[in-house]
N, C-alpha and C. Protein backbone atom coordinates (compact mmCIF):
# COMPACT_ATOMS: atom_id res chain seq x y z
N MET A 1 -43.61 11.18 76.13
CA MET A 1 -42.99 11.52 74.87
C MET A 1 -41.48 11.72 75.11
N VAL A 2 -40.67 11.04 74.33
CA VAL A 2 -39.22 11.20 74.49
C VAL A 2 -38.75 12.47 73.80
N LYS A 3 -37.69 13.02 74.32
CA LYS A 3 -37.11 14.23 73.76
C LYS A 3 -36.38 13.90 72.47
N GLY A 4 -36.09 14.93 71.70
CA GLY A 4 -35.31 14.80 70.48
C GLY A 4 -34.01 15.56 70.64
N TYR A 5 -32.99 15.12 69.92
CA TYR A 5 -31.66 15.72 70.03
C TYR A 5 -31.04 15.93 68.66
N TRP A 6 -30.33 17.01 68.54
CA TRP A 6 -29.42 17.22 67.42
C TRP A 6 -28.02 16.99 67.96
N ILE A 7 -27.25 16.19 67.25
CA ILE A 7 -25.84 15.98 67.58
C ILE A 7 -25.05 16.44 66.37
N ALA A 8 -24.27 17.47 66.54
CA ALA A 8 -23.51 18.05 65.43
C ALA A 8 -22.02 18.08 65.76
N ARG A 9 -21.24 17.77 64.75
CA ARG A 9 -19.78 17.88 64.85
C ARG A 9 -19.33 18.70 63.65
N LEU A 10 -18.48 19.69 63.88
CA LEU A 10 -18.09 20.53 62.76
C LEU A 10 -16.67 21.04 62.85
N ASN A 11 -16.12 21.31 61.68
CA ASN A 11 -14.86 22.03 61.52
C ASN A 11 -15.21 23.36 60.87
N ILE A 12 -14.81 24.44 61.49
CA ILE A 12 -15.13 25.78 61.01
C ILE A 12 -13.97 26.27 60.15
N HIS A 13 -14.27 26.65 58.91
CA HIS A 13 -13.22 27.21 58.04
C HIS A 13 -13.52 28.64 57.61
N ASP A 14 -14.71 29.15 57.93
CA ASP A 14 -15.06 30.55 57.65
C ASP A 14 -15.82 31.07 58.87
N GLN A 15 -15.11 31.75 59.75
CA GLN A 15 -15.69 32.21 61.01
C GLN A 15 -16.81 33.21 60.80
N ILE A 16 -16.71 34.05 59.78
CA ILE A 16 -17.75 35.06 59.52
C ILE A 16 -19.07 34.37 59.13
N ALA A 17 -18.99 33.38 58.24
CA ALA A 17 -20.19 32.64 57.84
C ALA A 17 -20.77 31.89 59.05
N TYR A 18 -19.90 31.33 59.88
CA TYR A 18 -20.38 30.60 61.06
C TYR A 18 -21.07 31.54 62.05
N GLU A 19 -20.54 32.72 62.24
CA GLU A 19 -21.18 33.68 63.14
C GLU A 19 -22.55 34.10 62.61
N GLU A 20 -22.68 34.24 61.30
CA GLU A 20 -23.99 34.57 60.71
C GLU A 20 -24.97 33.42 60.92
N TYR A 21 -24.48 32.20 60.77
CA TYR A 21 -25.31 31.02 61.05
C TYR A 21 -25.81 31.05 62.49
N ARG A 22 -24.93 31.33 63.43
CA ARG A 22 -25.32 31.35 64.84
C ARG A 22 -26.38 32.41 65.13
N LYS A 23 -26.28 33.56 64.49
CA LYS A 23 -27.29 34.61 64.67
C LYS A 23 -28.65 34.14 64.17
N ARG A 24 -28.65 33.49 63.01
CA ARG A 24 -29.91 33.10 62.37
C ARG A 24 -30.52 31.85 62.99
N ASN A 25 -29.70 30.91 63.47
CA ASN A 25 -30.27 29.66 63.99
C ASN A 25 -31.06 29.88 65.27
N ALA A 26 -30.75 30.93 65.99
CA ALA A 26 -31.44 31.20 67.26
C ALA A 26 -32.94 31.36 67.07
N ILE A 27 -33.35 31.88 65.93
CA ILE A 27 -34.77 32.07 65.66
C ILE A 27 -35.48 30.71 65.62
N ALA A 28 -34.92 29.77 64.87
CA ALA A 28 -35.53 28.43 64.77
C ALA A 28 -35.45 27.68 66.09
N PHE A 29 -34.31 27.73 66.74
CA PHE A 29 -34.16 26.99 68.00
C PHE A 29 -35.14 27.49 69.04
N SER A 30 -35.33 28.79 69.12
CA SER A 30 -36.27 29.35 70.07
C SER A 30 -37.71 28.93 69.74
N ARG A 31 -38.06 28.97 68.48
CA ARG A 31 -39.42 28.62 68.05
C ARG A 31 -39.78 27.17 68.38
N PHE A 32 -38.80 26.26 68.29
CA PHE A 32 -39.08 24.84 68.49
C PHE A 32 -38.59 24.30 69.83
N GLY A 33 -38.20 25.18 70.73
CA GLY A 33 -37.83 24.77 72.09
C GLY A 33 -36.46 24.15 72.20
N GLY A 34 -35.55 24.47 71.27
CA GLY A 34 -34.19 23.94 71.33
C GLY A 34 -33.41 24.51 72.50
N LYS A 35 -32.66 23.64 73.17
CA LYS A 35 -31.86 24.03 74.34
C LYS A 35 -30.47 23.40 74.19
N PHE A 36 -29.44 24.23 74.23
CA PHE A 36 -28.07 23.72 74.12
C PHE A 36 -27.69 22.95 75.38
N LEU A 37 -27.26 21.72 75.20
CA LEU A 37 -26.68 20.93 76.29
C LEU A 37 -25.16 20.94 76.19
N VAL A 38 -24.67 20.96 74.97
CA VAL A 38 -23.23 21.04 74.70
C VAL A 38 -23.06 22.06 73.59
N ARG A 39 -22.15 22.99 73.78
CA ARG A 39 -21.89 24.01 72.75
C ARG A 39 -20.40 24.30 72.73
N GLY A 40 -19.66 23.41 72.07
CA GLY A 40 -18.21 23.56 72.03
C GLY A 40 -17.60 23.04 73.31
N GLY A 41 -16.49 23.59 73.67
CA GLY A 41 -15.81 23.19 74.90
C GLY A 41 -14.79 22.10 74.67
N PRO A 42 -14.01 21.81 75.68
CA PRO A 42 -12.97 20.79 75.54
C PRO A 42 -13.58 19.41 75.36
N PHE A 43 -12.89 18.56 74.60
CA PHE A 43 -13.37 17.20 74.36
C PHE A 43 -12.17 16.29 74.13
N HIS A 44 -12.43 15.02 74.23
CA HIS A 44 -11.42 13.99 73.96
C HIS A 44 -12.01 13.01 72.97
N ALA A 45 -11.46 12.92 71.78
CA ALA A 45 -11.90 11.94 70.79
C ALA A 45 -11.18 10.63 71.12
N VAL A 46 -11.84 9.76 71.86
CA VAL A 46 -11.19 8.54 72.34
C VAL A 46 -11.31 7.37 71.36
N VAL A 47 -12.29 7.42 70.46
CA VAL A 47 -12.43 6.42 69.40
C VAL A 47 -12.86 7.16 68.14
N GLY A 48 -12.20 6.94 67.04
CA GLY A 48 -12.56 7.60 65.78
C GLY A 48 -11.99 9.00 65.71
N GLU A 49 -12.40 9.69 64.67
CA GLU A 49 -11.91 11.05 64.44
C GLU A 49 -12.86 12.07 65.05
N GLY A 50 -12.31 13.12 65.58
CA GLY A 50 -13.11 14.20 66.13
C GLY A 50 -13.14 15.38 65.17
N ARG A 51 -13.95 16.33 65.47
CA ARG A 51 -13.98 17.61 64.76
C ARG A 51 -13.71 18.70 65.78
N GLN A 52 -13.48 19.91 65.30
CA GLN A 52 -13.10 21.03 66.17
C GLN A 52 -14.18 21.41 67.17
N HIS A 53 -15.43 21.26 66.80
CA HIS A 53 -16.53 21.84 67.58
C HIS A 53 -17.65 20.81 67.64
N ASN A 54 -18.20 20.59 68.82
CA ASN A 54 -19.27 19.61 69.02
C ASN A 54 -20.44 20.27 69.72
N VAL A 55 -21.66 19.92 69.27
CA VAL A 55 -22.87 20.56 69.80
C VAL A 55 -23.94 19.49 70.01
N VAL A 56 -24.65 19.58 71.14
CA VAL A 56 -25.83 18.75 71.38
C VAL A 56 -26.95 19.70 71.78
N ILE A 57 -28.07 19.61 71.05
CA ILE A 57 -29.23 20.46 71.32
C ILE A 57 -30.40 19.54 71.65
N GLU A 58 -31.09 19.84 72.75
CA GLU A 58 -32.26 19.07 73.18
C GLU A 58 -33.53 19.79 72.75
N PHE A 59 -34.50 19.01 72.26
CA PHE A 59 -35.82 19.53 71.89
C PHE A 59 -36.88 18.80 72.72
N PRO A 60 -38.05 19.39 72.87
CA PRO A 60 -39.10 18.75 73.66
C PRO A 60 -39.52 17.38 73.13
N SER A 61 -39.34 17.15 71.83
CA SER A 61 -39.71 15.86 71.22
C SER A 61 -38.89 15.64 69.95
N HIS A 62 -38.88 14.40 69.49
CA HIS A 62 -38.21 14.09 68.23
C HIS A 62 -38.89 14.83 67.09
N ASP A 63 -40.22 14.90 67.12
CA ASP A 63 -40.95 15.63 66.08
C ASP A 63 -40.56 17.11 66.04
N ALA A 64 -40.38 17.72 67.21
CA ALA A 64 -39.96 19.13 67.26
C ALA A 64 -38.56 19.29 66.68
N ALA A 65 -37.68 18.33 66.94
CA ALA A 65 -36.31 18.40 66.40
C ALA A 65 -36.33 18.34 64.88
N ILE A 66 -37.15 17.45 64.32
CA ILE A 66 -37.27 17.33 62.86
C ILE A 66 -37.92 18.59 62.28
N ALA A 67 -38.99 19.05 62.92
CA ALA A 67 -39.70 20.25 62.44
C ALA A 67 -38.78 21.46 62.44
N CYS A 68 -37.92 21.58 63.44
CA CYS A 68 -36.97 22.69 63.49
C CYS A 68 -36.06 22.64 62.27
N TYR A 69 -35.51 21.47 61.99
CA TYR A 69 -34.60 21.34 60.85
C TYR A 69 -35.30 21.72 59.54
N ARG A 70 -36.53 21.30 59.38
CA ARG A 70 -37.27 21.53 58.14
C ARG A 70 -37.86 22.93 58.02
N SER A 71 -37.84 23.70 59.11
CA SER A 71 -38.49 25.01 59.13
C SER A 71 -37.80 26.00 58.19
N PRO A 72 -38.58 26.96 57.66
CA PRO A 72 -37.98 28.01 56.83
C PRO A 72 -36.91 28.80 57.57
N GLU A 73 -37.11 29.00 58.87
CA GLU A 73 -36.12 29.76 59.65
C GLU A 73 -34.78 29.03 59.68
N TYR A 74 -34.81 27.71 59.89
CA TYR A 74 -33.54 26.99 59.94
C TYR A 74 -32.94 26.83 58.54
N GLN A 75 -33.78 26.63 57.56
CA GLN A 75 -33.27 26.50 56.20
C GLN A 75 -32.59 27.79 55.74
N ASP A 76 -33.05 28.93 56.25
CA ASP A 76 -32.36 30.20 56.00
C ASP A 76 -30.98 30.18 56.65
N ALA A 77 -30.90 29.68 57.86
CA ALA A 77 -29.64 29.69 58.61
C ALA A 77 -28.63 28.69 58.06
N ILE A 78 -29.09 27.51 57.65
CA ILE A 78 -28.17 26.43 57.32
C ILE A 78 -27.28 26.75 56.11
N GLN A 79 -27.73 27.63 55.24
CA GLN A 79 -26.88 28.00 54.11
C GLN A 79 -25.54 28.58 54.59
N TYR A 80 -25.55 29.28 55.71
CA TYR A 80 -24.32 29.85 56.26
C TYR A 80 -23.46 28.78 56.93
N LEU A 81 -24.12 27.82 57.56
CA LEU A 81 -23.39 26.71 58.15
C LEU A 81 -22.65 25.93 57.07
N LYS A 82 -23.35 25.61 56.00
CA LYS A 82 -22.74 24.85 54.90
C LYS A 82 -21.62 25.64 54.22
N ALA A 83 -21.77 26.96 54.14
CA ALA A 83 -20.73 27.79 53.52
C ALA A 83 -19.50 27.91 54.40
N GLY A 84 -19.66 27.83 55.71
CA GLY A 84 -18.56 28.09 56.62
C GLY A 84 -17.97 26.89 57.31
N CYS A 85 -18.57 25.70 57.14
CA CYS A 85 -18.14 24.55 57.94
C CYS A 85 -18.27 23.24 57.18
N GLU A 86 -17.48 22.28 57.61
CA GLU A 86 -17.76 20.88 57.32
C GLU A 86 -18.56 20.41 58.51
N VAL A 87 -19.68 19.76 58.26
CA VAL A 87 -20.56 19.43 59.40
C VAL A 87 -21.18 18.05 59.22
N ASP A 88 -21.31 17.35 60.34
CA ASP A 88 -22.09 16.12 60.45
C ASP A 88 -23.21 16.45 61.43
N LEU A 89 -24.45 16.14 61.05
CA LEU A 89 -25.60 16.41 61.91
C LEU A 89 -26.49 15.18 61.95
N VAL A 90 -26.80 14.73 63.15
CA VAL A 90 -27.71 13.61 63.36
C VAL A 90 -28.86 14.12 64.22
N ILE A 91 -30.09 13.79 63.83
CA ILE A 91 -31.27 14.09 64.64
C ILE A 91 -31.77 12.75 65.15
N ILE A 92 -31.90 12.64 66.46
CA ILE A 92 -32.19 11.34 67.08
C ILE A 92 -33.19 11.51 68.22
N GLY A 93 -34.02 10.50 68.39
CA GLY A 93 -34.95 10.49 69.51
C GLY A 93 -34.26 10.03 70.78
N GLY A 94 -34.68 10.56 71.89
CA GLY A 94 -34.12 10.17 73.19
C GLY A 94 -34.54 8.77 73.60
N TYR A 95 -34.02 8.33 74.70
CA TYR A 95 -34.29 7.00 75.24
C TYR A 95 -34.90 7.15 76.63
N ASP A 96 -36.01 6.46 76.84
CA ASP A 96 -36.69 6.58 78.13
C ASP A 96 -36.94 5.21 78.74
N GLY A 97 -36.03 4.26 78.46
CA GLY A 97 -36.19 2.90 78.95
C GLY A 97 -35.31 2.59 80.15
N PRO A 98 -35.20 1.32 80.47
CA PRO A 98 -34.40 0.91 81.63
C PRO A 98 -32.92 1.26 81.45
N GLN A 99 -32.27 1.49 82.55
CA GLN A 99 -30.84 1.82 82.55
C GLN A 99 -30.06 0.68 83.18
N PRO A 100 -28.77 0.58 82.85
CA PRO A 100 -27.95 -0.48 83.47
C PRO A 100 -27.93 -0.34 84.99
N GLU A 101 -27.94 -1.47 85.65
CA GLU A 101 -27.84 -1.46 87.11
C GLU A 101 -26.40 -1.75 87.50
N PRO A 102 -25.96 -1.17 88.62
CA PRO A 102 -24.56 -1.41 89.05
C PRO A 102 -24.31 -2.84 89.49
């Protein structure tokens, strides 16, 4: 089973709302096995436009990633994200196939 990922890019315009989102999202992420791989940090937008903050969360499966988003716990949290940020969020399945050879 391939893993699932959330890829989020956001600009924060209300830090208080964003902090409330972060408190509440932990409940859903914990329930569905979400693990932060990227949580902010320095970045270089080498093609296209970037946003202030970038996040990648890994889930045990694509189904778990979707279920987390649809859960009542996350739907409670996301209202604060939408109030405090401009956000792009993609939920995508991982890849478990052949890799390029050198």
